[in-house]
Protein backbone atom coordinates (compact mmCIF):
# COMPACT_ATOMS: atom_id res chain seq x y z
CA MET A 1 2.61 -15.62 -17.42
CA SER A 2 3.36 -15.87 -13.73
CA GLY A 3 0.93 -17.87 -11.61
CA GLU A 4 0.22 -15.13 -9.10
CA SER A 5 -2.19 -12.26 -9.60
CA PHE A 6 -2.04 -8.93 -7.81
CA PHE A 7 -4.60 -6.16 -7.71
CA TYR A 8 -5.46 -2.50 -7.28
CA PRO A 9 -8.76 -1.55 -5.65
CA GLN A 10 -11.54 -0.99 -8.19
CA LYS A 11 -11.58 2.74 -7.50
CA MET A 12 -7.90 3.07 -8.52
CA GLY A 13 -8.72 1.33 -11.77
CA ARG A 14 -11.52 3.84 -12.23
CA LEU A 15 -9.11 6.73 -11.55
CA ILE A 16 -6.76 5.46 -14.28
CA PHE A 17 -9.65 5.39 -16.77
CA LEU A 18 -10.80 8.89 -15.75
CA GLY A 19 -7.25 10.24 -16.11
CA MET A 20 -6.88 8.55 -19.49
CA GLU A 21 -10.25 9.87 -20.67
CA GLU A 22 -9.21 13.42 -19.75
CA VAL A 23 -6.11 13.06 -21.94
CA ILE A 24 -7.32 11.09 -24.98
CA GLY A 25 -11.11 11.39 -24.78
CA THR A 26 -13.73 8.65 -24.57
CA SER A 27 -13.13 7.42 -28.12
CA GLY A 28 -9.38 7.22 -27.39
CA VAL A 29 -10.04 5.12 -24.28
CA ASP A 30 -12.36 2.87 -26.32
CA ALA A 31 -9.59 2.34 -28.90
CA VAL A 32 -7.03 1.51 -26.17
CA LEU A 33 -9.45 -0.98 -24.60
CA ARG A 34 -10.02 -2.70 -27.95
CA VAL A 35 -6.29 -2.99 -28.66
CA ALA A 36 -5.73 -4.36 -25.13
CA SER A 37 -8.65 -6.84 -25.55
CA LEU A 38 -10.33 -5.21 -22.54
CA GLU A 39 -13.65 -4.43 -24.27
CA LYS A 40 -15.53 -5.33 -21.09
CA PHE A 41 -14.53 -1.89 -19.71
CA ILE A 42 -15.90 0.13 -22.66
CA HIS A 43 -18.46 2.53 -21.13
CA ASN A 44 -18.24 0.31 -18.07
CA TYR A 45 -15.51 1.58 -15.75
CA PRO A 46 -14.96 -0.23 -12.43
CA PRO A 47 -17.12 0.95 -9.50
CA SER A 48 -15.64 3.32 -6.91
CA ASN A 49 -15.04 0.79 -4.15
CA SER A 50 -12.03 -0.62 -2.30
CA GLU A 51 -12.34 -4.24 -3.47
CA ARG A 52 -9.02 -5.40 -4.88
CA LYS A 53 -10.21 -6.67 -8.23
CA PHE A 54 -8.45 -4.48 -10.80
CA SER A 55 -5.56 -6.69 -11.87
CA PHE A 56 -1.95 -5.66 -12.47
CA GLU A 57 -2.26 -7.42 -15.84
CA THR A 58 -5.00 -4.92 -16.79
CA VAL A 59 -2.93 -1.90 -15.71
CA SER A 60 0.04 -3.16 -17.74
CA LEU A 61 -2.07 -3.92 -20.83
CA LEU A 62 -3.44 -0.37 -20.80
CA GLN A 63 0.09 1.04 -20.79
CA SER A 64 1.33 -1.17 -23.63
CA ALA A 65 -1.83 -0.48 -25.70
CA LEU A 66 -1.14 3.28 -25.48
CA GLU A 67 2.31 2.64 -26.98
CA GLN A 68 0.89 0.34 -29.67
CA ILE A 69 -1.60 2.97 -30.83
CA TYR A 70 0.44 6.16 -30.44
CA GLY A 71 3.97 4.79 -30.83
CA PRO A 72 6.58 4.55 -28.03
CA ARG A 73 7.16 8.32 -27.78
CA GLY A 74 3.52 9.31 -28.14
CA GLY A 75 2.40 6.61 -25.73
CA ARG A 76 4.99 7.73 -23.21
CA GLY A 77 3.80 11.35 -23.35
CA LEU A 78 0.15 10.32 -22.99
CA ALA A 79 0.96 8.00 -20.07
CA LEU A 80 2.79 10.88 -18.31
CA ARG A 81 -0.21 13.16 -18.83
CA THR A 82 -2.59 10.42 -17.69
CA GLY A 83 -0.54 10.04 -14.50
CA ARG A 84 -0.76 13.77 -13.85
CA ALA A 85 -4.54 13.72 -14.38
CA CYS A 86 -4.86 10.65 -12.11
CA PHE A 87 -3.30 12.56 -9.24
CA LYS A 88 -6.05 15.18 -9.37
CA TYR A 89 -8.78 12.53 -9.22
CA GLY A 90 -6.85 10.56 -6.61
CA LEU A 91 -6.54 13.61 -4.37
CA LYS A 92 -10.35 13.89 -4.22
CA GLU A 93 -10.57 10.20 -3.38
CA TYR A 94 -7.63 9.77 -0.98
CA GLY A 95 -6.50 13.29 0.05
CA SER A 96 -8.11 13.36 3.49
CA MET A 97 -6.93 9.80 4.24
CA LEU A 98 -3.35 10.89 3.45
CA GLY A 99 -3.67 14.02 5.60
CA LEU A 100 -2.23 16.07 2.74
CA THR A 101 -5.20 18.43 2.57
CA GLU A 102 -4.92 19.44 6.26
CA MET A 103 -3.85 23.03 6.97
CA ALA A 104 -1.10 21.79 9.31
CA PHE A 105 0.47 19.92 6.40
CA ARG A 106 0.25 22.94 4.08
CA LEU A 107 2.28 24.99 6.59
CA LEU A 108 5.25 22.60 6.75
CA SER A 109 8.59 23.51 5.14
CA LEU A 110 9.17 22.19 1.62
CA PRO A 111 11.78 19.52 2.62
CA THR A 112 9.41 18.25 5.35
CA LYS A 113 6.48 18.19 2.92
CA LEU A 114 8.52 16.18 0.40
CA HIS A 115 9.72 13.79 3.09
CA SER A 116 6.33 13.14 4.70
CA GLY A 117 4.31 13.47 1.49
CA THR A 118 6.26 10.81 -0.42
CA ARG A 119 6.09 8.48 2.58
CA SER A 120 2.32 8.95 3.04
CA PHE A 121 1.92 8.28 -0.64
CA ALA A 122 3.98 5.07 -0.43
CA ASP A 123 1.92 3.98 2.60
CA LEU A 124 -1.26 4.44 0.59
CA PHE A 125 -0.04 2.01 -2.09
CA ASN A 126 1.37 -0.43 0.46
CA LYS A 127 -1.87 -0.54 2.49
CA GLN A 128 -4.58 -0.14 -0.16
CA THR A 129 -3.07 -2.13 -3.06
CA ASP A 130 -0.83 -5.11 -3.81
CA GLN A 131 1.83 -2.72 -5.13
CA LYS A 132 4.94 -2.59 -2.94
CA VAL A 133 6.82 0.70 -2.57
CA THR A 134 9.82 1.75 -0.47
CA VAL A 135 11.20 5.27 -0.24
CA GLU A 136 14.87 6.08 0.21
CA GLU A 137 16.59 9.45 0.50
CA LYS A 138 20.20 9.90 -0.52
CA ASP A 139 22.47 12.43 -2.23
CA GLY A 140 19.73 15.06 -2.47
CA MET A 141 17.40 12.59 -4.18
CA ILE A 142 14.24 10.84 -3.12
CA LEU A 143 14.26 7.33 -4.60
CA TRP A 144 10.83 5.79 -5.07
CA HIS A 145 11.39 2.03 -5.43
CA ILE A 146 8.44 0.00 -6.73
CA GLU A 147 9.24 -3.61 -5.83
CA ARG A 148 6.03 -5.06 -7.27
CA CYS A 149 4.89 -2.89 -10.15
CA PRO A 150 1.58 -3.05 -12.03
CA LEU A 151 2.62 -0.64 -14.80
CA CYS A 152 5.18 -2.95 -16.41
CA TRP A 153 3.69 -6.22 -15.13
CA GLU A 154 4.96 -9.12 -17.29
CA ARG A 155 6.42 -6.74 -19.86
CA LYS A 156 9.90 -6.83 -21.39
CA ALA A 157 11.37 -3.55 -22.64
CA ALA A 158 14.71 -1.98 -23.48
CA GLU A 159 13.77 1.30 -21.74
CA PRO A 160 11.88 2.08 -18.51
CA VAL A 161 8.13 2.08 -19.24
CA CYS A 162 6.37 3.16 -16.01
CA HIS A 163 5.56 6.63 -17.33
CA LEU A 164 2.19 6.84 -15.59
CA ALA A 165 3.93 6.60 -12.19
CA VAL A 166 6.39 9.33 -13.24
CA GLY A 167 3.48 11.61 -14.24
CA LEU A 168 1.64 10.85 -11.00
CA LEU A 169 4.70 11.77 -8.92
CA GLN A 170 5.40 14.91 -11.02
CA GLU A 171 1.90 16.19 -10.31
CA ALA A 172 2.02 15.13 -6.64
CA LEU A 173 5.25 17.12 -6.15
CA TYR A 174 3.86 20.11 -8.06
CA TRP A 175 0.86 20.07 -5.74
CA LEU A 176 2.83 19.38 -2.52
CA SER A 177 5.23 22.25 -3.23
CA GLY A 178 2.57 24.78 -4.23
CA GLY A 179 3.51 24.91 -7.91
CA LYS A 180 7.22 24.05 -8.14
CA VAL A 181 8.55 21.71 -10.84
CA PHE A 182 10.92 18.86 -9.99
CA ASN A 183 13.06 16.59 -12.09
CA VAL A 184 11.42 13.14 -11.89
CA GLU A 185 12.95 10.30 -13.86
CA GLU A 186 12.62 6.53 -13.93
CA THR A 187 16.17 5.18 -13.67
CA ALA A 188 15.49 1.45 -13.31
CA CYS A 189 12.62 -0.76 -14.50
CA ILE A 190 11.69 -4.38 -13.82
CA ALA A 191 10.63 -4.68 -17.50
CA ARG A 192 14.25 -4.00 -18.40
CA GLY A 193 15.53 -6.66 -16.02
CA ASP A 194 16.28 -4.38 -13.05
CA ALA A 195 15.45 -5.49 -9.50
CA THR A 196 12.95 -2.66 -8.95
CA CYS A 197 11.26 0.14 -10.84
CA THR A 198 13.05 3.15 -9.36
CA ILE A 199 11.94 6.73 -9.88
CA ALA A 200 14.51 9.34 -8.86
CA ILE A 201 13.21 12.71 -7.65
CA ASP A 202 15.56 15.66 -7.31
CA GLN A 203 14.69 17.30 -3.99
CA THR A 204 15.63 20.73 -5.31
CA PRO A 205 13.03 22.14 -7.71
CA PHE A 206 14.04 23.73 -11.03
């Protein structure tokens, strides 16, 4: 275990639970919490406030518990779907702060929306959480680099495991573009020994 602890605000923890509940139901969430030894959250989700008290350890344990219960492939699919559901809840919570729900934003061209949307999104994490994100654009790709990642915190894995972030970005892009589907893939992961968790987004939709 590393000595330092990092946190999400309580309300982001709550959003993860709500997204997970939508995908696997209340009894599924209860099972995940038992496997992760996080029983304190059973029927007791964090409050919807901005206090940074929802630890990266907790986020990571939830992800690995999904894989323990449903297997690596099943857990991956459920984490992707949880990420997509989280975006919907997150939009209600943070949409106006991001400026993404303003009419002026809706009228921008797709490349401009992708450019400013991904940056606003990174700013949200950088300002509201202890997660660190940088965005880079090159060769027709948007590269979303997570330099301090809660999803694989203190995990070791042979494959990238930050599927919830991939699902979140898939849904964000679907929403930003008014229903287009983009190729979103995690190409590097700290759990695998890489320097960052990097999610590559093809700027051209399918």
